[in-house]
Amino acid sequence: MIGLILSAVIGITLGLIGGGGSIIALSILIYIIGIKTHQAIVMSLAVVGVVSLIGAGLHSQRGSVKLRAGILFSGVGMVGAYLGSHVTHQLSSIALLLSFSSLKMVIGVLLLMKRYTNQNTIALQSRSKLKEVLTSLIIGFLTGFLGVGGGLTIMPALMIFHGLSSKDAIGTSLLIVTAHCGAGMLGHLHYGNIDFRMLMLITIIAIDGTLIGTALSYRASLASLKKWFVVFVIAVALFITVKNYIALYKQLSN
């Protein structure tokens, strides 16, 4: 019951800052609801994908979704997401969660070190198409592999490669996350084993959260929110890392 209520936070986060839903979704699914890791990754992709689609629709009504940038960035990423989904099932639960938490900590630290301004645009630097393609491919692969939506890394990439404002980057990143999650889901469906009833309940509640988050995103100070959310992401990732290293130690000791 608590897990279902907390599912609203997934939507609020995605609607508010355009990313960060995956770490909340996976934490709720695994540590509160008790779903197995591989199944939780698939369900996280589904929830984050649907919620991101709703969020992108809401942001597009305010003119904050740039289709050209979204399509260009997500095209290659969808290929990466599909490929990544097949790697997931080759690893153990502990290996997946350690990979996930390590990635989140690295991204969190990099985002804290790299101060992206909340000005209307960010200086365009290194607008190389090759760099954009590689960035999209890597983010897409990680989405399919670990259930990482990638919104927190897609946004600065959009600001760098396409010169989008922070508001436009949020809306456009949600569109890209939707595409990546959809491609990743296609790869995972081959392996089956999804609790569709639980998935539907969580998704409906998360969608309600998206409505709240999107409305707040046009009133809140995004720079401050992102900073504190990144700190939260690092803290949760650290918790997952410690918990799984303990589990690994116990496993090796037996």
Protein backbone atom coordinates (compact mmCIF):
# COMPACT_ATOMS: atom_id res chain seq x y z
CA MET A 1 0.00 0.00 0.00
CA ILE A 2 2.81 2.39 0.94
CA GLY A 3 4.61 1.51 -2.29
CA LEU A 4 1.55 2.36 -4.36
CA ILE A 5 1.14 5.72 -2.63
CA LEU A 6 4.82 6.54 -3.11
CA SER A 7 4.43 5.75 -6.83
CA ALA A 8 3.02 9.26 -7.19
CA VAL A 9 6.53 10.56 -6.47
CA ILE A 10 7.74 8.94 -9.72
CA GLY A 11 5.34 11.09 -11.71
CA ILE A 12 5.91 14.23 -9.66
CA THR A 13 9.67 13.96 -10.21
CA LEU A 14 9.40 13.37 -13.95
CA GLY A 15 6.88 16.16 -14.43
CA LEU A 16 8.81 18.58 -12.26
CA ILE A 17 12.41 18.16 -13.43
CA GLY A 18 12.15 15.87 -16.47
CA GLY A 19 14.16 12.99 -15.01
CA GLY A 20 15.02 10.93 -11.95
CA GLY A 21 11.97 8.69 -12.10
CA SER A 22 13.88 5.44 -12.61
CA ILE A 23 15.78 5.43 -9.31
CA ILE A 24 12.55 6.11 -7.42
CA ALA A 25 10.63 3.52 -9.45
CA LEU A 26 13.24 0.78 -8.96
CA SER A 27 13.64 1.54 -5.25
CA ILE A 28 9.87 1.33 -4.68
CA LEU A 29 9.42 -1.80 -6.79
CA ILE A 30 12.32 -3.71 -5.23
CA TYR A 31 12.64 -2.51 -1.64
CA ILE A 32 9.05 -1.59 -0.76
CA ILE A 33 6.78 -3.71 -2.97
CA GLY A 34 9.24 -6.64 -3.09
CA ILE A 35 9.44 -7.32 -6.83
CA LYS A 36 12.47 -9.21 -8.18
CA THR A 37 15.18 -7.09 -9.79
CA HIS A 38 14.87 -8.25 -13.41
CA GLN A 39 11.09 -7.86 -13.34
CA ALA A 40 11.42 -4.49 -11.58
CA ILE A 41 13.68 -3.15 -14.35
CA VAL A 42 11.09 -4.07 -17.00
CA MET A 43 8.25 -2.55 -14.95
CA SER A 44 10.31 0.57 -14.29
CA LEU A 45 10.75 1.05 -18.04
CA ALA A 46 7.01 0.69 -18.57
CA VAL A 47 6.02 3.08 -15.77
CA VAL A 48 8.64 5.72 -16.59
CA GLY A 49 7.85 5.43 -20.31
CA VAL A 50 4.10 5.93 -19.95
CA VAL A 51 4.46 8.68 -17.35
CA SER A 52 7.05 10.46 -19.52
CA LEU A 53 4.67 10.31 -22.49
CA ILE A 54 1.93 11.98 -20.44
CA GLY A 55 4.42 14.54 -19.16
CA ALA A 56 5.67 15.28 -22.68
CA GLY A 57 2.07 15.83 -23.79
CA LEU A 58 1.45 18.27 -20.95
CA HIS A 59 4.66 20.17 -21.65
CA SER A 60 3.91 20.29 -25.39
CA GLN A 61 0.71 22.20 -24.63
CA ARG A 62 2.96 24.94 -23.25
CA GLY A 63 5.25 24.78 -26.30
CA SER A 64 8.10 23.20 -24.35
CA VAL A 65 8.68 20.13 -26.54
CA LYS A 66 10.99 20.58 -29.53
CA LEU A 67 10.12 17.71 -31.88
CA ARG A 68 13.13 18.05 -34.18
CA ALA A 69 15.62 17.82 -31.33
CA GLY A 70 13.63 15.00 -29.72
CA ILE A 71 13.47 12.90 -32.88
CA LEU A 72 17.13 13.43 -33.76
CA PHE A 73 18.32 12.49 -30.28
CA SER A 74 16.01 9.53 -29.68
CA GLY A 75 16.49 7.77 -33.03
CA VAL A 76 19.87 6.19 -32.31
CA GLY A 77 19.04 5.88 -28.61
CA MET A 78 16.16 3.51 -29.38
CA VAL A 79 18.58 1.11 -31.07
CA GLY A 80 20.82 1.26 -28.00
CA ALA A 81 17.86 0.65 -25.67
CA TYR A 82 16.77 -2.44 -27.59
CA LEU A 83 20.29 -3.88 -27.52
CA GLY A 84 20.74 -3.06 -23.84
CA SER A 85 17.55 -4.89 -22.87
CA HIS A 86 19.08 -8.21 -23.92
CA VAL A 87 22.16 -7.69 -21.74
CA THR A 88 20.02 -7.29 -18.59
CA HIS A 89 19.09 -10.95 -18.43
CA GLN A 90 22.71 -12.10 -18.61
CA LEU A 91 23.56 -10.64 -15.18
CA SER A 92 22.56 -11.44 -11.60
CA SER A 93 20.31 -9.18 -9.51
CA ILE A 94 23.23 -8.01 -7.37
CA ALA A 95 25.36 -7.20 -10.42
CA LEU A 96 22.50 -5.23 -11.98
CA LEU A 97 21.78 -3.21 -8.84
CA LEU A 98 25.46 -2.45 -8.23
CA SER A 99 25.78 -1.32 -11.85
CA PHE A 100 22.64 0.81 -11.51
CA SER A 101 23.64 2.46 -8.23
CA SER A 102 27.23 3.06 -9.37
CA LEU A 103 25.98 4.72 -12.54
CA LYS A 104 23.59 6.94 -10.60
CA MET A 105 26.33 8.03 -8.19
CA VAL A 106 28.71 8.89 -11.03
CA ILE A 107 26.01 10.85 -12.88
CA GLY A 108 24.99 12.61 -9.67
CA VAL A 109 28.53 13.69 -8.83
CA LEU A 110 29.17 14.87 -12.40
CA LEU A 111 25.96 16.91 -12.39
CA LEU A 112 26.92 18.55 -9.10
CA MET A 113 30.38 19.37 -10.46
CA LYS A 114 29.05 20.65 -13.78
CA ARG A 115 26.87 23.63 -12.95
CA TYR A 116 24.29 24.04 -15.66
CA THR A 117 22.73 27.46 -15.43
CA ASN A 118 19.00 28.16 -15.46
CA GLN A 119 19.39 30.89 -18.05
CA ASN A 120 17.28 30.73 -21.21
CA THR A 121 20.09 29.05 -23.13
CA ILE A 122 23.40 27.44 -22.42
CA ALA A 123 26.52 28.12 -24.42
CA LEU A 124 26.71 25.79 -27.38
CA GLN A 125 29.88 23.79 -27.13
CA SER A 126 31.18 20.82 -29.07
CA ARG A 127 28.08 20.59 -31.29
CA SER A 128 29.48 17.55 -33.03
CA LYS A 129 26.91 15.23 -34.62
CA LEU A 130 29.15 12.26 -33.87
CA LYS A 131 29.24 13.19 -30.18
CA GLU A 132 25.46 13.54 -30.15
CA VAL A 133 24.99 10.13 -31.80
CA LEU A 134 27.37 8.44 -29.35
CA THR A 135 25.73 10.17 -26.37
CA SER A 136 22.28 9.09 -27.52
CA LEU A 137 23.44 5.52 -28.16
CA ILE A 138 25.03 5.19 -24.71
CA ILE A 139 22.06 6.71 -22.87
CA GLY A 140 19.67 4.50 -24.83
CA PHE A 141 21.74 1.38 -24.09
CA LEU A 142 21.74 2.15 -20.36
CA THR A 143 17.97 2.69 -20.48
CA GLY A 144 17.35 -0.78 -21.89
CA PHE A 145 20.06 -2.40 -19.76
CA LEU A 146 19.33 -0.93 -16.31
CA GLY A 147 15.92 0.70 -16.66
CA VAL A 148 17.55 4.14 -16.39
CA GLY A 149 15.31 6.76 -18.01
CA GLY A 150 18.28 9.05 -18.53
CA GLY A 151 16.38 12.31 -18.18
CA LEU A 152 18.99 13.89 -15.92
CA THR A 153 21.69 13.31 -18.56
CA ILE A 154 19.50 13.94 -21.61
CA MET A 155 18.60 17.47 -20.47
CA PRO A 156 22.15 18.87 -20.37
CA ALA A 157 22.89 17.06 -23.65
CA LEU A 158 19.93 18.81 -25.30
CA MET A 159 21.10 22.15 -23.95
CA ILE A 160 24.60 21.55 -25.33
CA PHE A 161 23.78 20.00 -28.71
CA HIS A 162 20.60 21.90 -29.53
CA GLY A 163 20.83 25.05 -27.40
CA LEU A 164 17.49 24.43 -25.69
CA SER A 165 16.40 26.39 -22.63
CA SER A 166 15.99 24.48 -19.36
CA LYS A 167 12.18 24.50 -19.74
CA ASP A 168 12.34 23.15 -23.31
CA ALA A 169 14.96 20.58 -22.30
CA ILE A 170 12.61 19.16 -19.65
CA GLY A 171 9.70 18.69 -22.06
CA THR A 172 11.87 17.36 -24.89
CA SER A 173 13.76 14.97 -22.60
CA LEU A 174 10.44 13.41 -21.56
CA LEU A 175 9.68 12.69 -25.22
CA ILE A 176 13.10 11.06 -25.65
CA VAL A 177 12.74 9.02 -22.45
CA THR A 178 9.40 7.74 -23.77
CA ALA A 179 11.03 6.56 -27.01
CA HIS A 180 13.97 4.93 -25.23
CA CYS A 181 11.75 3.16 -22.69
CA GLY A 182 9.46 1.90 -25.46
CA ALA A 183 12.37 0.39 -27.40
CA GLY A 184 13.78 -1.15 -24.23
CA MET A 185 10.40 -2.66 -23.37
CA LEU A 186 10.20 -4.34 -26.79
CA GLY A 187 13.46 -6.12 -26.04
CA HIS A 188 12.39 -7.18 -22.55
CA LEU A 189 8.96 -8.51 -23.59
CA HIS A 190 10.72 -11.50 -25.13
CA TYR A 191 11.57 -12.65 -21.58
CA GLY A 192 8.01 -12.21 -20.21
CA ASN A 193 7.33 -12.40 -16.44
CA ILE A 194 5.56 -9.08 -15.79
CA ASP A 195 2.90 -8.45 -13.14
CA PHE A 196 0.57 -6.40 -15.34
CA ARG A 197 -1.97 -5.75 -12.56
CA MET A 198 0.64 -4.20 -10.29
CA LEU A 199 2.14 -2.37 -13.26
CA MET A 200 -1.20 -0.79 -14.12
CA LEU A 201 -1.86 0.36 -10.53
CA ILE A 202 1.58 1.96 -10.17
CA THR A 203 1.33 3.63 -13.58
CA ILE A 204 -2.09 5.17 -12.88
CA ILE A 205 -0.89 6.63 -9.58
CA ALA A 206 2.35 7.88 -11.17
CA ILE A 207 0.36 9.61 -13.93
CA ASP A 208 -1.56 11.55 -11.27
CA GLY A 209 1.80 12.62 -9.86
CA THR A 210 2.87 13.81 -13.31
CA LEU A 211 -0.03 16.25 -13.45
CA ILE A 212 1.11 17.76 -10.16
CA GLY A 213 4.80 17.83 -11.11
CA THR A 214 4.20 19.45 -14.50
CA ALA A 215 2.09 22.21 -12.96
CA LEU A 216 4.77 22.87 -10.33
CA SER A 217 7.60 22.93 -12.90
CA TYR A 218 6.42 26.29 -14.25
CA ARG A 219 6.37 27.86 -10.79
CA ALA A 220 9.34 26.36 -8.99
CA SER A 221 13.03 27.31 -9.04
CA LEU A 222 14.37 24.47 -11.21
CA ALA A 223 18.07 25.07 -10.52
CA SER A 224 17.60 24.66 -6.76
CA LEU A 225 15.27 21.68 -7.14
CA LYS A 226 17.65 19.83 -9.44
CA LYS A 227 20.56 20.39 -7.07
CA TRP A 228 18.76 18.90 -4.09
CA PHE A 229 17.28 16.08 -6.14
CA VAL A 230 20.74 15.11 -7.39
CA VAL A 231 21.90 14.95 -3.75
CA PHE A 232 18.90 12.71 -3.02
CA VAL A 233 19.77 10.46 -6.00
CA ILE A 234 23.34 10.06 -4.74
CA ALA A 235 22.07 9.17 -1.24
CA VAL A 236 19.65 6.52 -2.56
CA ALA A 237 22.33 5.13 -4.88
CA LEU A 238 24.73 4.89 -1.94
CA PHE A 239 22.08 2.99 0.06
CA ILE A 240 21.55 0.52 -2.81
CA THR A 241 25.31 0.06 -3.21
CA VAL A 242 25.93 -0.68 0.48
CA LYS A 243 22.92 -3.01 0.69
CA ASN A 244 24.05 -5.05 -2.30
CA TYR A 245 27.70 -5.21 -1.28
CA ILE A 246 26.49 -6.66 2.03
CA ALA A 247 24.34 -9.16 0.12
CA LEU A 248 27.31 -10.05 -2.10
CA TYR A 249 29.56 -10.54 0.95
CA LYS A 250 27.01 -12.88 2.56
CA GLN A 251 26.64 -14.77 -0.71
CA LEU A 252 30.40 -15.27 -1.05
CA SER A 253 30.74 -16.24 2.62
CA ASN A 254 28.30 -19.15 2.31
